[in-house]
């Protein structure tokens, strides 16, 4: 399975709190 580029950049670590907030913000923008 190929990881997204963002996950590859993190070396497979779980996203940090700030990264989760950024992802949530992007999802909200895409949902509108």
N, C-alpha and C. Protein backbone atom coordinates (compact mmCIF):
# COMPACT_ATOMS: atom_id res chain seq x y z
N UNK A 1 0.85 -1.21 0.00
CA UNK A 1 0.00 0.00 0.00
C UNK A 1 0.88 1.25 0.00
N UNK A 2 0.57 2.18 -0.86
CA UNK A 2 1.35 3.41 -0.96
C UNK A 2 0.77 4.46 -0.03
N UNK A 3 1.62 5.03 0.81
CA UNK A 3 1.15 6.09 1.71
C UNK A 3 1.04 7.41 0.95
N UNK A 4 0.15 8.29 1.40
CA UNK A 4 0.11 9.63 0.80
C UNK A 4 1.45 10.34 1.02
N UNK A 5 1.73 11.32 0.19
CA UNK A 5 3.00 12.05 0.28
C UNK A 5 3.19 12.64 1.67
N UNK A 6 2.10 13.12 2.27
CA UNK A 6 2.21 13.73 3.60
C UNK A 6 2.66 12.69 4.62
N UNK A 7 2.14 11.47 4.52
CA UNK A 7 2.53 10.43 5.47
C UNK A 7 3.98 10.01 5.23
N UNK A 8 4.41 9.97 3.97
CA UNK A 8 5.79 9.63 3.67
C UNK A 8 6.74 10.66 4.28
N UNK A 9 6.36 11.93 4.21
CA UNK A 9 7.19 12.99 4.76
C UNK A 9 7.32 12.88 6.26
N UNK A 10 6.31 12.29 6.91
CA UNK A 10 6.35 12.12 8.36
C UNK A 10 7.06 10.83 8.74
N UNK A 11 7.50 10.06 7.78
CA UNK A 11 8.16 8.81 8.08
C UNK A 11 7.19 7.79 8.67
N UNK A 12 5.91 7.92 8.36
CA UNK A 12 4.92 6.97 8.84
C UNK A 12 4.39 7.28 10.23
N UNK A 13 4.87 8.38 10.86
CA UNK A 13 4.36 8.74 12.18
C UNK A 13 2.92 9.20 12.09
N UNK A 14 2.21 9.13 13.21
CA UNK A 14 0.87 9.70 13.25
C UNK A 14 0.98 11.21 13.13
N UNK A 15 -0.02 11.84 12.51
CA UNK A 15 0.02 13.30 12.37
C UNK A 15 -0.01 13.98 13.73
N UNK A 16 0.69 15.09 13.85
CA UNK A 16 0.68 15.85 15.10
C UNK A 16 -0.65 16.59 15.24
N UNK A 17 -0.86 17.18 16.39
CA UNK A 17 -2.11 17.90 16.63
C UNK A 17 -2.29 19.02 15.60
N UNK A 18 -1.23 19.76 15.33
CA UNK A 18 -1.31 20.85 14.37
C UNK A 18 -1.61 20.34 12.97
N UNK A 19 -1.04 19.20 12.61
CA UNK A 19 -1.30 18.64 11.29
C UNK A 19 -2.74 18.17 11.17
N UNK A 20 -3.29 17.62 12.26
CA UNK A 20 -4.70 17.21 12.23
C UNK A 20 -5.59 18.42 12.04
N UNK A 21 -5.26 19.52 12.74
CA UNK A 21 -6.07 20.75 12.61
C UNK A 21 -6.01 21.26 11.17
N UNK A 22 -4.83 21.22 10.56
CA UNK A 22 -4.70 21.67 9.18
C UNK A 22 -5.54 20.79 8.26
N UNK A 23 -5.49 19.48 8.46
CA UNK A 23 -6.28 18.57 7.63
C UNK A 23 -7.77 18.82 7.81
N UNK A 24 -8.18 19.06 9.05
CA UNK A 24 -9.60 19.33 9.31
C UNK A 24 -10.04 20.62 8.63
N UNK A 25 -9.17 21.63 8.66
CA UNK A 25 -9.49 22.90 8.00
C UNK A 25 -9.64 22.69 6.49
N UNK A 26 -8.72 21.93 5.90
CA UNK A 26 -8.80 21.68 4.46
C UNK A 26 -10.08 20.93 4.12
N UNK A 27 -10.46 19.96 4.97
CA UNK A 27 -11.70 19.21 4.70
C UNK A 27 -12.90 20.13 4.74
N UNK A 28 -12.90 21.06 5.71
CA UNK A 28 -14.03 21.99 5.80
C UNK A 28 -14.12 22.86 4.55
N UNK A 29 -12.96 23.32 4.07
CA UNK A 29 -12.96 24.16 2.86
C UNK A 29 -13.46 23.37 1.66
N UNK A 30 -13.08 22.10 1.57
CA UNK A 30 -13.52 21.28 0.44
C UNK A 30 -14.99 20.93 0.55
N UNK A 31 -15.52 20.89 1.77
CA UNK A 31 -16.91 20.49 1.97
C UNK A 31 -17.89 21.62 1.66
N UNK A 32 -17.40 22.85 1.64
CA UNK A 32 -18.32 23.98 1.41
C UNK A 32 -18.60 24.14 -0.07
